[in-house]
């Protein structure tokens, strides 16, 4: 990875990260309260032709202490951080680092 890649120079790095939100919700049912986040993330090399180096679906489901919005937002934030950490580790492996 480049030490710092800003939005303005991301294509100059030679790589592109893209993703889709597949699931992003608070889950409340009779048994439990929690959140579910599922992201589909992809890392591609922008050489000609572009090459997908990593394409993976990442999921985090966790319980919350109650069903209020603040608890859900905090849990979603933690879930996204965990997903991004796994993606970064996987991207490093895909790049041979």
Protein backbone atom coordinates (compact mmCIF):
# COMPACT_ATOMS: atom_id res chain seq x y z
CA UNK A 1 0.00 0.00 0.00
CA UNK A 2 1.00 3.59 -0.47
CA UNK A 3 1.67 5.22 2.90
CA UNK A 4 -1.20 7.69 2.42
CA UNK A 5 -3.75 7.64 -0.37
CA UNK A 6 -6.15 10.55 -0.47
CA UNK A 7 -9.32 10.70 -2.52
CA UNK A 8 -7.69 13.13 -4.95
CA UNK A 9 -4.82 10.74 -5.82
CA UNK A 10 -6.33 7.29 -5.35
CA UNK A 11 -6.09 6.42 -9.05
CA UNK A 12 -2.42 7.45 -9.05
CA UNK A 13 -1.79 4.68 -6.50
CA UNK A 14 -2.64 2.10 -9.15
CA UNK A 15 -5.44 0.53 -7.08
CA UNK A 16 -9.13 1.07 -6.57
CA UNK A 17 -11.32 0.01 -3.66
CA UNK A 18 -15.03 -0.32 -4.29
CA UNK A 19 -17.88 -1.75 -2.30
CA UNK A 20 -21.57 -2.26 -1.84
CA UNK A 21 -23.68 -2.26 1.30
CA UNK A 22 -25.62 -5.52 1.33
CA UNK A 23 -27.07 -5.28 4.84
CA UNK A 24 -26.99 -2.43 7.33
CA UNK A 25 -29.67 -2.67 9.98
CA UNK A 26 -30.81 -2.83 13.54
CA UNK A 27 -32.30 -6.23 14.38
CA UNK A 28 -35.00 -6.35 17.03
CA UNK A 29 -36.98 -9.50 17.66
CA UNK A 30 -38.44 -11.30 20.65
CA UNK A 31 -35.18 -13.08 21.54
CA UNK A 32 -32.52 -10.45 20.99
CA UNK A 33 -31.56 -6.96 19.93
CA UNK A 34 -28.58 -6.28 17.75
CA UNK A 35 -27.16 -5.10 14.46
CA UNK A 36 -26.18 -6.67 11.17
CA UNK A 37 -23.69 -5.24 8.69
CA UNK A 38 -22.70 -6.97 5.47
CA UNK A 39 -20.36 -5.26 2.99
CA UNK A 40 -19.14 -6.52 -0.38
CA UNK A 41 -15.64 -5.06 -0.85
CA UNK A 42 -13.28 -5.26 -3.80
CA UNK A 43 -9.67 -4.28 -4.45
CA UNK A 44 -8.59 -3.92 -8.07
CA UNK A 45 -5.32 -3.07 -9.78
CA UNK A 46 -5.90 -0.38 -12.38
CA UNK A 47 -3.34 -1.68 -14.85
CA UNK A 48 -4.53 -2.51 -18.36
CA UNK A 49 -6.69 -4.52 -18.26
CA UNK A 50 -7.94 -3.85 -14.71
CA UNK A 51 -7.52 -6.88 -12.47
CA UNK A 52 -9.59 -7.76 -9.42
CA UNK A 53 -7.17 -8.77 -6.67
CA UNK A 54 -9.69 -9.31 -3.90
CA UNK A 55 -13.48 -9.59 -3.89
CA UNK A 56 -15.10 -10.69 -0.68
CA UNK A 57 -18.24 -10.32 1.39
CA UNK A 58 -17.69 -9.32 5.01
CA UNK A 59 -20.32 -9.80 7.71
CA UNK A 60 -20.58 -8.66 11.32
CA UNK A 61 -23.60 -9.45 13.48
CA UNK A 62 -23.63 -8.52 17.13
CA UNK A 63 -25.98 -8.06 20.04
CA UNK A 64 -26.66 -4.73 21.72
CA UNK A 65 -27.56 -4.08 25.33
CA UNK A 66 -30.90 -2.56 24.35
CA UNK A 67 -32.88 -1.43 21.32
CA UNK A 68 -32.17 2.31 21.44
CA UNK A 69 -30.62 4.10 18.49
CA UNK A 70 -27.44 5.06 20.32
CA UNK A 71 -26.61 1.44 21.17
CA UNK A 72 -27.22 0.41 17.56
CA UNK A 73 -25.09 3.22 16.14
CA UNK A 74 -22.22 2.33 18.49
CA UNK A 75 -22.46 -1.37 17.55
CA UNK A 76 -22.60 -0.58 13.82
CA UNK A 77 -19.50 1.59 14.18
CA UNK A 78 -17.62 -1.27 15.85
CA UNK A 79 -18.84 -3.70 13.18
CA UNK A 80 -17.61 -1.47 10.34
CA UNK A 81 -14.23 -1.06 12.03
CA UNK A 82 -13.89 -4.86 12.36
CA UNK A 83 -14.85 -5.35 8.70
CA UNK A 84 -12.36 -2.74 7.50
CA UNK A 85 -9.57 -4.27 9.60
CA UNK A 86 -10.26 -7.70 8.04
CA UNK A 87 -10.40 -6.15 4.57
CA UNK A 88 -7.07 -4.36 5.09
CA UNK A 89 -5.45 -7.62 6.27
CA UNK A 90 -6.90 -9.50 3.28
CA UNK A 91 -5.78 -6.74 0.89
CA UNK A 92 -2.26 -6.93 2.31
CA UNK A 93 -2.24 -10.68 1.67
CA UNK A 94 -3.60 -10.17 -1.86
CA UNK A 95 -0.80 -7.68 -2.53
CA UNK A 96 1.81 -10.01 -1.06
CA UNK A 97 2.57 -7.78 1.91
